Amino acid sequence: MLQPYNITLHVYAENPQEAEELETALRDFVVSKYNQRVYPRAAALTDMVKRYGNSPIVNNFIQ
C-alpha cells in the first residue's frame, strides 16, 4: 500500500528563495500528478532520475 513520506535533500542555491521555489515546484508537480490520478511513486521517480539524470539535455539545463 502506498503511503506518503516526507524527504529532505540538500541543493545548491544562490539564496533561500531559489530553494523555496524548487520545493514549491516539486510539491506542485506531485500534487498535479496526484490530481490526474498519476501517483508519483518514489521508485518511479528514482528510476526517472537514474535513467535521465545524466542525459545531455538535463546536464545542459541544470548547469
N, C-alpha and C. Protein backbone atom coordinates (compact mmCIF):
# COMPACT_ATOMS: atom_id res chain seq x y z
N MET A 1 0.84 -1.18 0.00
CA MET A 1 0.00 0.00 0.00
C MET A 1 0.88 1.24 0.00
N LEU A 2 0.54 2.18 -0.87
CA LEU A 2 1.30 3.42 -0.93
C LEU A 2 1.00 4.29 0.27
N GLN A 3 2.05 4.86 0.82
CA GLN A 3 1.97 5.78 1.96
C GLN A 3 2.73 7.06 1.60
N PRO A 4 2.28 8.22 2.03
CA PRO A 4 3.05 9.44 1.79
C PRO A 4 4.22 9.54 2.78
N TYR A 5 5.35 9.96 2.27
CA TYR A 5 6.54 10.15 3.10
C TYR A 5 7.13 11.52 2.80
N ASN A 6 7.74 12.13 3.78
CA ASN A 6 8.48 13.37 3.59
C ASN A 6 9.95 13.03 3.46
N ILE A 7 10.64 13.71 2.54
CA ILE A 7 12.07 13.54 2.42
C ILE A 7 12.74 14.91 2.52
N THR A 8 13.99 14.91 2.86
CA THR A 8 14.78 16.13 2.92
C THR A 8 16.01 15.92 2.05
N LEU A 9 16.31 16.90 1.22
CA LEU A 9 17.53 16.81 0.45
C LEU A 9 18.16 18.19 0.36
N HIS A 10 19.44 18.18 0.11
CA HIS A 10 20.18 19.44 0.04
C HIS A 10 20.46 19.77 -1.42
N VAL A 11 20.25 21.03 -1.78
CA VAL A 11 20.52 21.51 -3.14
C VAL A 11 21.35 22.79 -3.04
N TYR A 12 22.03 23.10 -4.12
CA TYR A 12 22.78 24.35 -4.18
C TYR A 12 21.86 25.44 -4.71
N ALA A 13 21.90 26.60 -4.07
CA ALA A 13 21.08 27.72 -4.48
C ALA A 13 21.82 29.02 -4.18
N GLU A 14 21.48 30.03 -4.93
CA GLU A 14 22.07 31.36 -4.71
C GLU A 14 21.51 32.01 -3.45
N ASN A 15 20.27 31.65 -3.10
CA ASN A 15 19.63 32.26 -1.94
C ASN A 15 18.48 31.36 -1.49
N PRO A 16 17.92 31.62 -0.33
CA PRO A 16 16.83 30.79 0.18
C PRO A 16 15.60 30.75 -0.73
N GLN A 17 15.34 31.85 -1.45
CA GLN A 17 14.17 31.90 -2.32
C GLN A 17 14.27 30.85 -3.43
N GLU A 18 15.47 30.67 -3.99
CA GLU A 18 15.65 29.65 -5.03
C GLU A 18 15.30 28.27 -4.50
N ALA A 19 15.77 27.96 -3.31
CA ALA A 19 15.47 26.65 -2.71
C ALA A 19 13.97 26.51 -2.45
N GLU A 20 13.35 27.57 -1.98
CA GLU A 20 11.90 27.54 -1.73
C GLU A 20 11.12 27.37 -3.02
N GLU A 21 11.58 28.02 -4.10
CA GLU A 21 10.91 27.87 -5.40
C GLU A 21 11.01 26.43 -5.90
N LEU A 22 12.15 25.80 -5.70
CA LEU A 22 12.30 24.40 -6.08
C LEU A 22 11.35 23.53 -5.28
N GLU A 23 11.30 23.74 -3.97
CA GLU A 23 10.41 22.96 -3.12
C GLU A 23 8.96 23.12 -3.56
N THR A 24 8.57 24.34 -3.86
CA THR A 24 7.21 24.60 -4.31
C THR A 24 6.94 23.93 -5.66
N ALA A 25 7.88 24.04 -6.59
CA ALA A 25 7.70 23.43 -7.91
C ALA A 25 7.58 21.91 -7.81
N LEU A 26 8.42 21.29 -6.98
CA LEU A 26 8.33 19.84 -6.81
C LEU A 26 7.02 19.43 -6.14
N ARG A 27 6.62 20.17 -5.14
CA ARG A 27 5.35 19.88 -4.47
C ARG A 27 4.19 20.02 -5.44
N ASP A 28 4.19 21.11 -6.22
CA ASP A 28 3.13 21.34 -7.19
C ASP A 28 3.10 20.23 -8.24
N PHE A 29 4.27 19.76 -8.67
CA PHE A 29 4.36 18.67 -9.63
C PHE A 29 3.70 17.41 -9.08
N VAL A 30 4.05 17.06 -7.85
CA VAL A 30 3.49 15.86 -7.23
C VAL A 30 1.98 16.00 -7.06
N VAL A 31 1.53 17.14 -6.59
CA VAL A 31 0.09 17.36 -6.39
C VAL A 31 -0.65 17.32 -7.73
N SER A 32 -0.07 17.94 -8.76
CA SER A 32 -0.70 17.93 -10.08
C SER A 32 -0.85 16.51 -10.60
N LYS A 33 0.20 15.72 -10.50
CA LYS A 33 0.13 14.33 -10.95
C LYS A 33 -0.89 13.55 -10.13
N TYR A 34 -0.87 13.75 -8.83
CA TYR A 34 -1.83 13.08 -7.96
C TYR A 34 -3.26 13.41 -8.37
N ASN A 35 -3.52 14.68 -8.67
CA ASN A 35 -4.85 15.11 -9.08
C ASN A 35 -5.27 14.50 -10.42
N GLN A 36 -4.29 14.11 -11.23
CA GLN A 36 -4.56 13.43 -12.50
C GLN A 36 -4.65 11.91 -12.32
N ARG A 37 -4.63 11.49 -11.07
CA ARG A 37 -4.63 10.06 -10.72
C ARG A 37 -3.38 9.35 -11.22
N VAL A 38 -2.30 10.10 -11.31
CA VAL A 38 -0.97 9.55 -11.61
C VAL A 38 -0.19 9.69 -10.33
N TYR A 39 0.11 8.58 -9.70
CA TYR A 39 0.73 8.62 -8.38
C TYR A 39 2.25 8.59 -8.51
N PRO A 40 2.92 9.69 -8.17
CA PRO A 40 4.36 9.79 -8.31
C PRO A 40 5.08 8.99 -7.23
N ARG A 41 5.22 7.70 -7.51
CA ARG A 41 5.86 6.80 -6.54
C ARG A 41 7.36 7.06 -6.45
N ALA A 42 7.90 6.86 -5.29
CA ALA A 42 9.34 7.07 -5.07
C ALA A 42 10.16 6.21 -6.03
N ALA A 43 9.76 4.96 -6.22
CA ALA A 43 10.52 4.06 -7.10
C ALA A 43 10.52 4.59 -8.54
N ALA A 44 9.41 5.11 -9.01
CA ALA A 44 9.34 5.63 -10.38
C ALA A 44 10.17 6.90 -10.53
N LEU A 45 10.12 7.78 -9.54
CA LEU A 45 10.92 9.00 -9.59
C LEU A 45 12.41 8.67 -9.52
N THR A 46 12.76 7.69 -8.71
CA THR A 46 14.16 7.24 -8.62
C THR A 46 14.62 6.73 -9.98
N ASP A 47 13.80 5.90 -10.61
CA ASP A 47 14.12 5.36 -11.93
C ASP A 47 14.27 6.47 -12.95
N MET A 48 13.39 7.46 -12.90
CA MET A 48 13.46 8.59 -13.83
C MET A 48 14.79 9.33 -13.68
N VAL A 49 15.19 9.60 -12.45
CA VAL A 49 16.45 10.32 -12.21
C VAL A 49 17.64 9.47 -12.67
N LYS A 50 17.61 8.18 -12.38
CA LYS A 50 18.72 7.30 -12.79
C LYS A 50 18.81 7.19 -14.31
N ARG A 51 17.67 7.10 -14.98
CA ARG A 51 17.67 6.95 -16.45
C ARG A 51 18.04 8.23 -17.17
N TYR A 52 17.49 9.34 -16.71
CA TYR A 52 17.62 10.58 -17.47
C TYR A 52 18.50 11.63 -16.82
N GLY A 53 18.96 11.38 -15.62
CA GLY A 53 19.75 12.36 -14.88
C GLY A 53 21.07 12.73 -15.53
N ASN A 54 21.63 11.82 -16.32
CA ASN A 54 22.91 12.10 -16.97
C ASN A 54 22.77 12.39 -18.46
N SER A 55 21.56 12.62 -18.92
CA SER A 55 21.38 12.92 -20.34
C SER A 55 21.93 14.31 -20.64
N PRO A 56 22.43 14.52 -21.85
CA PRO A 56 22.96 15.84 -22.20
C PRO A 56 21.94 16.95 -22.03
N ILE A 57 20.69 16.68 -22.34
CA ILE A 57 19.65 17.71 -22.19
C ILE A 57 19.55 18.14 -20.73
N VAL A 58 19.48 17.18 -19.84
CA VAL A 58 19.38 17.50 -18.40
C VAL A 58 20.64 18.21 -17.94
N ASN A 59 21.80 17.70 -18.32
CA ASN A 59 23.06 18.33 -17.89
C ASN A 59 23.17 19.76 -18.38
N ASN A 60 22.78 20.03 -19.62
CA ASN A 60 22.83 21.40 -20.14
C ASN A 60 21.82 22.29 -19.42
N PHE A 61 20.68 21.73 -19.09
CA PHE A 61 19.63 22.52 -18.45
C PHE A 61 20.00 22.93 -17.03
N ILE A 62 20.66 22.06 -16.27
CA ILE A 62 20.91 22.34 -14.85
C ILE A 62 22.24 23.06 -14.60
N GLN A 63 23.03 23.26 -15.63
CA GLN A 63 24.31 23.95 -15.43
C GLN A 63 24.11 25.43 -15.22
